[in-house]
C-alpha atoms as a PDB file:
ATOM      1  CA  MET A   1      23.349 141.249  26.081  1.00  0.00           C
ATOM      2  CA  LYS A   2      19.791 140.167  25.574  1.00  0.00           C
ATOM      3  CA  ASN A   3      20.474 136.580  24.479  1.00  0.00           C
ATOM      4  CA  ILE A   4      21.291 134.366  27.437  1.00  0.00           C
ATOM      5  CA  PHE A   5      23.563 132.174  25.314  1.00  0.00           C
ATOM      6  CA  GLN A   6      25.839 135.150  24.684  1.00  0.00           C
ATOM      7  CA  ILE A   7      27.410 134.592  28.108  1.00  0.00           C
ATOM      8  CA  PHE A   8      29.551 131.839  26.609  1.00  0.00           C
ATOM      9  CA  THR A   9      30.551 134.081  23.712  1.00  0.00           C
ATOM     10  CA  ARG A  10      31.386 136.896  26.117  1.00  0.00           C
ATOM     11  CA  VAL A  11      33.651 134.669  28.240  1.00  0.00           C
ATOM     12  CA  ARG A  12      35.286 133.143  25.171  1.00  0.00           C
ATOM     13  CA  ASN A  13      35.959 136.593  23.711  1.00  0.00           C
ATOM     14  CA  LEU A  14      37.314 137.870  27.032  1.00  0.00           C
ATOM     15  CA  MET A  15      39.661 134.899  27.238  1.00  0.00           C
ATOM     16  CA  LEU A  16      40.866 135.071  23.635  1.00  0.00           C
ATOM     17  CA  HIS A  17      40.620 138.787  22.809  1.00  0.00           C
ATOM     18  CA  PRO A  18      40.378 140.690  26.102  1.00  0.00           C
ATOM     19  CA  ALA A  19      41.193 144.170  24.777  1.00  0.00           C
ATOM     20  CA  ARG A  20      38.556 144.029  22.051  1.00  0.00           C
ATOM     21  CA  GLU A  21      35.883 142.615  24.389  1.00  0.00           C
ATOM     22  CA  TRP A  22      36.611 145.121  27.173  1.00  0.00           C
ATOM     23  CA  LYS A  23      36.196 147.957  24.649  1.00  0.00           C
ATOM     24  CA  GLU A  24      32.782 146.572  23.727  1.00  0.00           C
ATOM     25  CA  ILE A  25      31.789 146.189  27.393  1.00  0.00           C
ATOM     26  CA  ALA A  26      32.862 149.779  28.109  1.00  0.00           C
ATOM     27  CA  VAL A  27      30.627 151.047  25.306  1.00  0.00           C
ATOM     28  CA  GLU A  28      27.631 149.027  26.589  1.00  0.00           C
ATOM     29  CA  ASN A  29      27.801 150.796  29.973  1.00  0.00           C
ATOM     30  CA  ASN A  30      25.193 148.463  31.536  1.00  0.00           C
ATOM     31  CA  SER A  31      23.796 148.890  35.029  1.00  0.00           C
ATOM     32  CA  ARG A  32      24.813 146.384  37.691  1.00  0.00           C
ATOM     33  CA  GLU A  33      21.264 144.961  37.645  1.00  0.00           C
ATOM     34  CA  THR A  34      21.531 144.270  33.910  1.00  0.00           C
ATOM     35  CA  VAL A  35      24.971 142.686  34.278  1.00  0.00           C
ATOM     36  CA  TYR A  36      23.737 140.513  37.146  1.00  0.00           C
ATOM     37  CA  LEU A  37      20.543 139.475  35.340  1.00  0.00           C
ATOM     38  CA  TRP A  38      22.056 138.744  31.921  1.00  0.00           C
ATOM     39  CA  PHE A  39      25.547 137.539  32.840  1.00  0.00           C
ATOM     40  CA  VAL A  40      25.999 136.505  36.485  1.00  0.00           C
ATOM     41  CA  LEU A  41      22.599 134.898  37.104  1.00  0.00           C
ATOM     42  CA  PRO A  42      22.825 132.480  34.144  1.00  0.00           C
ATOM     43  CA  TRP A  43      26.255 131.379  35.363  1.00  0.00           C
ATOM     44  CA  LEU A  44      24.917 130.825  38.886  1.00  0.00           C
ATOM     45  CA  CYS A  45      22.034 128.767  37.478  1.00  0.00           C
ATOM     46  CA  LEU A  46      24.492 126.731  35.420  1.00  0.00           C
ATOM     47  CA  ILE A  47      26.625 126.169  38.517  1.00  0.00           C
ATOM     48  CA  ALA A  48      23.516 125.026  40.427  1.00  0.00           C
ATOM     49  CA  ILE A  49      22.586 122.547  37.693  1.00  0.00           C
ATOM     50  CA  ALA A  50      26.201 121.356  37.507  1.00  0.00           C
ATOM     51  CA  THR A  51      26.180 120.851  41.283  1.00  0.00           C
ATOM     52  CA  VAL A  52      23.148 118.586  41.115  1.00  0.00           C
ATOM     53  CA  ILE A  53      24.574 116.534  38.249  1.00  0.00           C
ATOM     54  CA  GLY A  54      28.083 116.545  39.737  1.00  0.00           C
ATOM     55  CA  THR A  55      26.979 115.153  43.075  1.00  0.00           C
ATOM     56  CA  TRP A  56      25.253 112.373  41.166  1.00  0.00           C
ATOM     57  CA  LEU A  57      28.451 111.683  39.175  1.00  0.00           C
ATOM     58  CA  ALA A  58      30.794 111.906  42.185  1.00  0.00           C
ATOM     59  CA  THR A  59      33.679 109.459  41.937  1.00  0.00           C
ATOM     60  CA  SER A  60      33.052 108.050  45.388  1.00  0.00           C
ATOM     61  CA  ARG A  61      29.567 107.065  44.255  1.00  0.00           C
ATOM     62  CA  GLU A  62      28.272 108.200  47.606  1.00  0.00           C
ATOM     63  CA  LEU A  63      24.691 109.176  47.651  1.00  0.00           C
ATOM     64  CA  TYR A  64      24.552 112.785  48.759  1.00  0.00           C
ATOM     65  CA  SER A  65      21.489 113.849  50.657  1.00  0.00           C
ATOM     66  CA  ALA A  66      19.143 116.375  49.138  1.00  0.00           C
ATOM     67  CA  TRP A  67      19.975 118.668  52.058  1.00  0.00           C
ATOM     68  CA  PHE A  68      23.672 118.569  51.219  1.00  0.00           C
ATOM     69  CA  VAL A  69      23.003 119.387  47.560  1.00  0.00           C
ATOM     70  CA  LEU A  70      20.678 122.217  48.575  1.00  0.00           C
ATOM     71  CA  TYR A  71      23.299 123.474  51.036  1.00  0.00           C
ATOM     72  CA  TRP A  72      25.992 123.473  48.367  1.00  0.00           C
ATOM     73  CA  ILE A  73      23.802 125.276  45.811  1.00  0.00           C
ATOM     74  CA  LEU A  74      22.665 127.939  48.295  1.00  0.00           C
ATOM     75  CA  PHE A  75      26.192 128.346  49.623  1.00  0.00           C
ATOM     76  CA  LEU A  76      27.719 128.901  46.172  1.00  0.00           C
ATOM     77  CA  TRP A  77      24.870 131.076  44.949  1.00  0.00           C
ATOM     78  CA  THR A  78      24.773 133.440  47.906  1.00  0.00           C
ATOM     79  CA  SER A  79      28.485 133.623  48.614  1.00  0.00           C
ATOM     80  CA  LEU A  80      29.378 134.332  44.960  1.00  0.00           C
ATOM     81  CA  SER A  81      26.565 136.895  44.584  1.00  0.00           C
ATOM     82  CA  ALA A  82      27.251 138.645  47.884  1.00  0.00           C
ATOM     83  CA  GLY A  83      31.009 138.524  47.286  1.00  0.00           C
ATOM     84  CA  LEU A  84      30.563 140.160  43.902  1.00  0.00           C
ATOM     85  CA  TYR A  85      28.205 142.868  45.136  1.00  0.00           C
ATOM     86  CA  PHE A  86      30.093 143.762  48.310  1.00  0.00           C
ATOM     87  CA  SER A  87      33.490 143.626  46.590  1.00  0.00           C
ATOM     88  CA  ALA A  88      32.308 146.149  44.023  1.00  0.00           C
ATOM     89  CA  LEU A  89      30.749 148.329  46.719  1.00  0.00           C
ATOM     90  CA  VAL A  90      33.860 148.342  48.922  1.00  0.00           C
ATOM     91  CA  ILE A  91      36.172 148.918  45.948  1.00  0.00           C
ATOM     92  CA  THR A  92      34.054 151.847  44.775  1.00  0.00           C
ATOM     93  CA  GLU A  93      34.000 153.459  48.208  1.00  0.00           C
ATOM     94  CA  ILE A  94      37.690 152.927  48.989  1.00  0.00           C
ATOM     95  CA  MET A  95      39.161 153.568  45.559  1.00  0.00           C
ATOM     96  CA  ALA A  96      37.000 156.482  44.377  1.00  0.00           C
ATOM     97  CA  PRO A  97      38.913 159.184  46.305  1.00  0.00           C
ATOM     98  CA  GLN A  98      42.276 157.909  45.012  1.00  0.00           C
ATOM     99  CA  MET A  99      41.220 157.258  41.420  1.00  0.00           C
ATOM    100  CA  GLY A 100      38.883 160.185  40.969  1.00  0.00           C
ATOM    101  CA  VAL A 101      36.279 157.807  39.532  1.00  0.00           C
ATOM    102  CA  ARG A 102      33.144 156.755  41.397  1.00  0.00           C
ATOM    103  CA  ASP A 103      31.008 154.394  39.354  1.00  0.00           C
ATOM    104  CA  HIS A 104      29.618 151.364  41.156  1.00  0.00           C
ATOM    105  CA  ASN A 105      28.154 150.036  37.893  1.00  0.00           C
ATOM    106  CA  ARG A 106      31.555 149.965  36.196  1.00  0.00           C
ATOM    107  CA  ASP A 107      33.289 148.402  39.211  1.00  0.00           C
ATOM    108  CA  PHE A 108      30.554 145.769  39.374  1.00  0.00           C
ATOM    109  CA  ALA A 109      30.762 145.073  35.624  1.00  0.00           C
ATOM    110  CA  LEU A 110      34.547 144.792  35.773  1.00  0.00           C
ATOM    111  CA  ILE A 111      34.429 142.216  38.554  1.00  0.00           C
ATOM    112  CA  ALA A 112      31.441 140.336  37.115  1.00  0.00           C
ATOM    113  CA  TYR A 113      32.751 139.983  33.565  1.00  0.00           C
ATOM    114  CA  ALA A 114      36.281 139.191  34.712  1.00  0.00           C
ATOM    115  CA  SER A 115      34.798 136.497  36.959  1.00  0.00           C
ATOM    116  CA  GLY A 116      33.272 134.783  33.926  1.00  0.00           C
ATOM    117  CA  ALA A 117      36.335 132.574  33.556  1.00  0.00           C
ATOM    118  CA  ALA A 118      36.084 131.583  37.224  1.00  0.00           C
ATOM    119  CA  TYR A 119      32.358 130.851  36.864  1.00  0.00           C
ATOM    120  CA  MET A 120      33.102 128.611  33.901  1.00  0.00           C
ATOM    121  CA  VAL A 121      35.773 126.697  35.850  1.00  0.00           C
ATOM    122  CA  ILE A 122      33.516 126.383  38.919  1.00  0.00           C
ATOM    123  CA  ALA A 123      30.672 125.042  36.758  1.00  0.00           C
ATOM    124  CA  PHE A 124      33.007 122.502  35.149  1.00  0.00           C
ATOM    125  CA  VAL A 125      34.501 121.368  38.468  1.00  0.00           C
ATOM    126  CA  THR A 126      31.113 121.063  40.166  1.00  0.00           C
ATOM    127  CA  LEU A 127      29.911 119.044  37.182  1.00  0.00           C
ATOM    128  CA  PHE A 128      33.006 116.823  37.225  1.00  0.00           C
ATOM    129  CA  PRO A 129      34.211 116.882  40.855  1.00  0.00           C
ATOM    130  CA  PHE A 130      37.107 114.536  40.118  1.00  0.00           C
ATOM    131  CA  PHE A 131      38.804 117.410  38.244  1.00  0.00           C
ATOM    132  CA  ASN A 132      38.899 119.749  41.261  1.00  0.00           C
ATOM    133  CA  GLU A 133      42.603 120.516  40.666  1.00  0.00           C
ATOM    134  CA  LEU A 134      41.458 122.580  37.689  1.00  0.00           C
ATOM    135  CA  LEU A 135      40.106 125.218  40.074  1.00  0.00           C
ATOM    136  CA  ILE A 136      43.527 126.860  39.772  1.00  0.00           C
ATOM    137  CA  LEU A 137      42.443 127.972  36.281  1.00  0.00           C
ATOM    138  CA  ALA A 138      39.908 130.303  37.908  1.00  0.00           C
ATOM    139  CA  PHE A 139      42.811 132.659  38.602  1.00  0.00           C
ATOM    140  CA  TYR A 140      42.735 133.597  34.919  1.00  0.00           C
ATOM    141  CA  SER A 141      39.961 135.941  36.054  1.00  0.00           C
ATOM    142  CA  CYS A 142      42.642 138.019  37.804  1.00  0.00           C
ATOM    143  CA  TYR A 143      44.345 138.589  34.461  1.00  0.00           C
ATOM    144  CA  LEU A 144      41.026 139.502  32.852  1.00  0.00           C
ATOM    145  CA  PHE A 145      40.325 141.922  35.703  1.00  0.00           C
ATOM    146  CA  TRP A 146      43.721 143.560  35.176  1.00  0.00           C
ATOM    147  CA  ARG A 147      43.133 143.902  31.430  1.00  0.00           C
ATOM    148  CA  GLY A 148      39.704 145.476  31.986  1.00  0.00           C
ATOM    149  CA  ILE A 149      40.807 148.245  34.354  1.00  0.00           C
ATOM    150  CA  PRO A 150      41.925 150.732  31.656  1.00  0.00           C
ATOM    151  CA  TYR A 151      38.691 150.283  29.712  1.00  0.00           C
ATOM    152  CA  LEU A 152      36.093 150.368  32.471  1.00  0.00           C
ATOM    153  CA  ILE A 153      37.785 152.365  35.239  1.00  0.00           C
ATOM    154  CA  ARG A 154      39.844 154.458  32.808  1.00  0.00           C
ATOM    155  CA  VAL A 155      43.076 154.469  34.772  1.00  0.00           C
ATOM    156  CA  GLU A 156      46.484 153.318  33.593  1.00  0.00           C
ATOM    157  CA  GLY A 157      50.074 153.146  34.765  1.00  0.00           C
ATOM    158  CA  GLN A 158      50.708 153.491  38.477  1.00  0.00           C
ATOM    159  CA  LYS A 159      47.019 154.133  39.230  1.00  0.00           C
ATOM    160  CA  GLN A 160      46.120 150.898  37.443  1.00  0.00           C
ATOM    161  CA  MET A 161      48.630 148.996  39.565  1.00  0.00           C
ATOM    162  CA  ILE A 162      47.301 150.507  42.795  1.00  0.00           C
ATOM    163  CA  TYR A 163      43.695 149.932  41.775  1.00  0.00           C
ATOM    164  CA  GLY A 164      44.408 146.352  40.665  1.00  0.00           C
ATOM    165  CA  LEU A 165      46.367 145.289  43.746  1.00  0.00           C
ATOM    166  CA  LEU A 166      44.041 146.875  46.293  1.00  0.00           C
ATOM    167  CA  SER A 167      40.983 145.586  44.452  1.00  0.00           C
ATOM    168  CA  PHE A 168      42.405 142.070  44.379  1.00  0.00           C
ATOM    169  CA  ILE A 169      43.047 142.168  48.130  1.00  0.00           C
ATOM    170  CA  ILE A 170      39.542 143.516  48.775  1.00  0.00           C
ATOM    171  CA  MET A 171      37.923 140.878  46.552  1.00  0.00           C
ATOM    172  CA  VAL A 172      39.799 138.029  48.225  1.00  0.00           C
ATOM    173  CA  LEU A 173      38.957 139.242  51.724  1.00  0.00           C
ATOM    174  CA  VAL A 174      35.293 139.926  50.938  1.00  0.00           C
ATOM    175  CA  HIS A 175      34.824 136.571  49.180  1.00  0.00           C
ATOM    176  CA  LEU A 176      36.527 134.702  52.029  1.00  0.00           C
ATOM    177  CA  LEU A 177      34.258 136.470  54.498  1.00  0.00           C
ATOM    178  CA  MET A 178      31.177 135.594  52.441  1.00  0.00           C
ATOM    179  CA  PHE A 179      32.283 131.943  52.082  1.00  0.00           C
ATOM    180  CA  PHE A 180      32.829 131.686  55.829  1.00  0.00           C
ATOM    181  CA  LEU A 181      29.599 133.463  56.748  1.00  0.00           C
ATOM    182  CA  PHE A 182      27.310 131.562  54.382  1.00  0.00           C
ATOM    183  CA  SER A 183      28.924 128.179  55.082  1.00  0.00           C
ATOM    184  CA  LYS A 184      28.113 128.693  58.768  1.00  0.00           C
ATOM    185  CA  VAL A 185      24.597 130.008  58.146  1.00  0.00           C
ATOM    186  CA  PHE A 186      23.508 127.333  55.675  1.00  0.00           C
ATOM    187  CA  GLY A 187      25.448 124.636  57.522  1.00  0.00           C
ATOM    188  CA  ALA A 188      23.536 125.408  60.724  1.00  0.00           C
ATOM    189  CA  ILE A 189      20.201 125.404  58.906  1.00  0.00           C
ATOM    190  CA  LEU A 190      20.559 122.493  56.490  1.00  0.00           C
ATOM    191  CA  LEU A 191      23.232 120.126  57.768  1.00  0.00           C
END
């Protein structure tokens, strides 16, 4: 993906036609740096912009300090990036012996592209904070992750179930750890 606006097309296609889009992603076989630069980073920038606008549009009409907005942007940016990277790393190291596949790039791409739906929901909710109940829609990324396993990891059946369940547990734990860690770090520095 060389056009930055293709991120919206990629997420739309994953949501509407996951099998077809996962086949295309598997053929691309991009490095994790490419996936981060051309897919994850634009979403994180969009979330940062949405955060700034969303705090201005907040329903309480409170004036948020610049430090709070900076805290929130840095917190989301670092915790989502670190959660993605470390989730893929841990999944690769733990699951490789059981699955017989060791490809950090494919694990990273699977998590990153499946997270596109969650990134879209997070951007929308940070832009319009009065719709925060819609965050539940971010769980559609779990379905996209499940659908991508046979194409990127190339396992099916019982191995797909094991890979999917253990990966989900790892991702949740790693992301929770990153959220906790970075909320404390940036909270101590900026708030």
